[in-house]
Amino acid sequence: MGRRKNNPSLVQELIDGRWTMDQAEFEEKYASLSSSDRSLVSDAIYGMEDELIPNDDESDDEALSVYDAALIWMSHGKDEDYMYGYTEEELEAAL
């Protein structure tokens, strides 16, 4: 398999549609990217998390929704460190 070419328009499409695009479609398109383009998409998604995850100064009453938690969990490769107190079943159902 040859080296993949950079695809700036697909990178932007994935960044813009991350929270609204169908999961399977996102994963298929993401898998087609070059490694440098994947890094661009990942960096952008991680930056978005700062807006979604409550910081320590915010009230505990403002818990992360299961939908936001599911998107973050998926963007981290479904790593258990990013489950935010939800079960795998709850997160999968929210995707």
C-alpha atoms as a PDB file:
ATOM      1  CA  MET A   1       0.000   0.000   0.000  1.00  0.00           C
ATOM      2  CA  GLY A   2       1.342   3.384  -0.985  1.00  0.00           C
ATOM      3  CA  ARG A   3       1.610   6.516   1.044  1.00  0.00           C
ATOM      4  CA  ARG A   4      -1.652   8.441   1.398  1.00  0.00           C
ATOM      5  CA  LYS A   5      -1.860  11.997   0.129  1.00  0.00           C
ATOM      6  CA  ASN A   6      -2.961  14.831   2.382  1.00  0.00           C
ATOM      7  CA  ASN A   7      -6.583  15.817   1.928  1.00  0.00           C
ATOM      8  CA  PRO A   8      -7.234  19.234   3.548  1.00  0.00           C
ATOM      9  CA  SER A   9     -10.880  19.368   2.457  1.00  0.00           C
ATOM     10  CA  LEU A  10     -11.652  16.008   4.099  1.00  0.00           C
ATOM     11  CA  VAL A  11      -9.807  17.099   7.251  1.00  0.00           C
ATOM     12  CA  GLN A  12     -12.026  20.176   7.473  1.00  0.00           C
ATOM     13  CA  GLU A  13     -15.156  18.121   6.739  1.00  0.00           C
ATOM     14  CA  LEU A  14     -14.333  15.759   9.610  1.00  0.00           C
ATOM     15  CA  ILE A  15     -13.563  18.587  12.017  1.00  0.00           C
ATOM     16  CA  ASP A  16     -16.736  20.476  11.094  1.00  0.00           C
ATOM     17  CA  GLY A  17     -18.924  17.382  11.209  1.00  0.00           C
ATOM     18  CA  ARG A  18     -17.382  15.593  14.181  1.00  0.00           C
ATOM     19  CA  TRP A  19     -20.332  15.998  16.510  1.00  0.00           C
ATOM     20  CA  THR A  20     -23.040  15.595  13.860  1.00  0.00           C
ATOM     21  CA  MET A  21     -21.679  13.084  11.340  1.00  0.00           C
ATOM     22  CA  ASP A  22     -22.748   9.443  11.515  1.00  0.00           C
ATOM     23  CA  GLN A  23     -20.155   7.480  13.512  1.00  0.00           C
ATOM     24  CA  ALA A  24     -19.532   4.843  10.851  1.00  0.00           C
ATOM     25  CA  GLU A  25     -19.117   7.518   8.178  1.00  0.00           C
ATOM     26  CA  PHE A  26     -16.685   9.448  10.375  1.00  0.00           C
ATOM     27  CA  GLU A  27     -14.587   6.351  11.111  1.00  0.00           C
ATOM     28  CA  GLU A  28     -14.480   5.328   7.431  1.00  0.00           C
ATOM     29  CA  LYS A  29     -13.376   8.778   6.300  1.00  0.00           C
ATOM     30  CA  TYR A  30     -10.923   9.150   9.190  1.00  0.00           C
ATOM     31  CA  ALA A  31      -9.319   5.795   8.310  1.00  0.00           C
ATOM     32  CA  SER A  32      -8.720   7.019   4.753  1.00  0.00           C
ATOM     33  CA  LEU A  33      -6.588   9.977   5.907  1.00  0.00           C
ATOM     34  CA  SER A  34      -2.812  10.167   5.922  1.00  0.00           C
ATOM     35  CA  SER A  35      -1.198  10.019   9.357  1.00  0.00           C
ATOM     36  CA  SER A  36      -0.448  13.747   9.309  1.00  0.00           C
ATOM     37  CA  ASP A  37      -4.081  14.528   8.431  1.00  0.00           C
ATOM     38  CA  ARG A  38      -5.263  12.199  11.216  1.00  0.00           C
ATOM     39  CA  SER A  39      -3.118  14.187  13.615  1.00  0.00           C
ATOM     40  CA  LEU A  40      -4.741  17.430  12.478  1.00  0.00           C
ATOM     41  CA  VAL A  41      -8.231  16.010  13.039  1.00  0.00           C
ATOM     42  CA  SER A  42      -7.300  14.529  16.421  1.00  0.00           C
ATOM     43  CA  ASP A  43      -5.706  17.755  17.625  1.00  0.00           C
ATOM     44  CA  ALA A  44      -8.802  19.720  16.643  1.00  0.00           C
ATOM     45  CA  ILE A  45     -11.132  17.267  18.405  1.00  0.00           C
ATOM     46  CA  TYR A  46      -9.024  17.292  21.566  1.00  0.00           C
ATOM     47  CA  GLY A  47      -9.172  21.093  21.506  1.00  0.00           C
ATOM     48  CA  MET A  48     -12.968  20.923  21.286  1.00  0.00           C
ATOM     49  CA  GLU A  49     -13.058  18.803  24.434  1.00  0.00           C
ATOM     50  CA  ASP A  50     -11.872  21.735  26.507  1.00  0.00           C
ATOM     51  CA  GLU A  51     -15.155  23.419  25.642  1.00  0.00           C
ATOM     52  CA  LEU A  52     -17.224  20.353  26.587  1.00  0.00           C
ATOM     53  CA  ILE A  53     -15.526  19.084  29.730  1.00  0.00           C
ATOM     54  CA  PRO A  54     -16.295  21.070  32.876  1.00  0.00           C
ATOM     55  CA  ASN A  55     -13.198  22.437  34.553  1.00  0.00           C
ATOM     56  CA  ASP A  56     -12.464  22.187  38.279  1.00  0.00           C
ATOM     57  CA  ASP A  57     -13.872  25.669  38.921  1.00  0.00           C
ATOM     58  CA  GLU A  58     -17.340  24.715  37.723  1.00  0.00           C
ATOM     59  CA  SER A  59     -20.042  23.252  39.902  1.00  0.00           C
ATOM     60  CA  ASP A  60     -20.407  19.474  40.168  1.00  0.00           C
ATOM     61  CA  ASP A  61     -24.051  20.047  39.215  1.00  0.00           C
ATOM     62  CA  GLU A  62     -22.866  20.614  35.645  1.00  0.00           C
ATOM     63  CA  ALA A  63     -22.018  17.002  34.819  1.00  0.00           C
ATOM     64  CA  LEU A  64     -20.919  15.989  31.329  1.00  0.00           C
ATOM     65  CA  SER A  65     -23.863  14.593  29.383  1.00  0.00           C
ATOM     66  CA  VAL A  66     -23.729  10.997  28.201  1.00  0.00           C
ATOM     67  CA  TYR A  67     -23.827  12.262  24.601  1.00  0.00           C
ATOM     68  CA  ASP A  68     -20.824  14.549  25.021  1.00  0.00           C
ATOM     69  CA  ALA A  69     -19.015  11.867  27.031  1.00  0.00           C
ATOM     70  CA  ALA A  70     -19.692   9.313  24.284  1.00  0.00           C
ATOM     71  CA  LEU A  71     -18.217  11.564  21.602  1.00  0.00           C
ATOM     72  CA  ILE A  72     -15.110  12.239  23.656  1.00  0.00           C
ATOM     73  CA  TRP A  73     -14.770   8.551  24.566  1.00  0.00           C
ATOM     74  CA  MET A  74     -15.010   7.561  20.883  1.00  0.00           C
ATOM     75  CA  SER A  75     -12.509  10.220  19.818  1.00  0.00           C
ATOM     76  CA  HIS A  76     -10.039   8.650  22.259  1.00  0.00           C
ATOM     77  CA  GLY A  77     -10.431   5.198  20.726  1.00  0.00           C
ATOM     78  CA  LYS A  78     -13.009   4.104  23.337  1.00  0.00           C
ATOM     79  CA  ASP A  79     -10.364   4.263  26.060  1.00  0.00           C
ATOM     80  CA  GLU A  80     -11.796   3.436  29.491  1.00  0.00           C
ATOM     81  CA  ASP A  81      -9.985   6.467  30.933  1.00  0.00           C
ATOM     82  CA  TYR A  82     -12.485   8.662  29.060  1.00  0.00           C
ATOM     83  CA  MET A  83     -15.768   7.065  30.174  1.00  0.00           C
ATOM     84  CA  TYR A  84     -16.594   9.812  32.718  1.00  0.00           C
ATOM     85  CA  GLY A  85     -18.503   7.478  35.025  1.00  0.00           C
ATOM     86  CA  TYR A  86     -20.720   6.028  32.301  1.00  0.00           C
ATOM     87  CA  THR A  87     -20.796   2.354  31.337  1.00  0.00           C
ATOM     88  CA  GLU A  88     -19.677   1.153  27.931  1.00  0.00           C
ATOM     89  CA  GLU A  89     -23.289   0.242  27.155  1.00  0.00           C
ATOM     90  CA  GLU A  90     -24.492   3.777  28.009  1.00  0.00           C
ATOM     91  CA  LEU A  91     -21.807   5.347  25.850  1.00  0.00           C
ATOM     92  CA  GLU A  92     -22.419   3.016  22.905  1.00  0.00           C
ATOM     93  CA  ALA A  93     -26.163   3.714  23.102  1.00  0.00           C
ATOM     94  CA  ALA A  94     -25.501   7.464  23.011  1.00  0.00           C
ATOM     95  CA  LEU A  95     -23.411   7.286  19.818  1.00  0.00           C
END
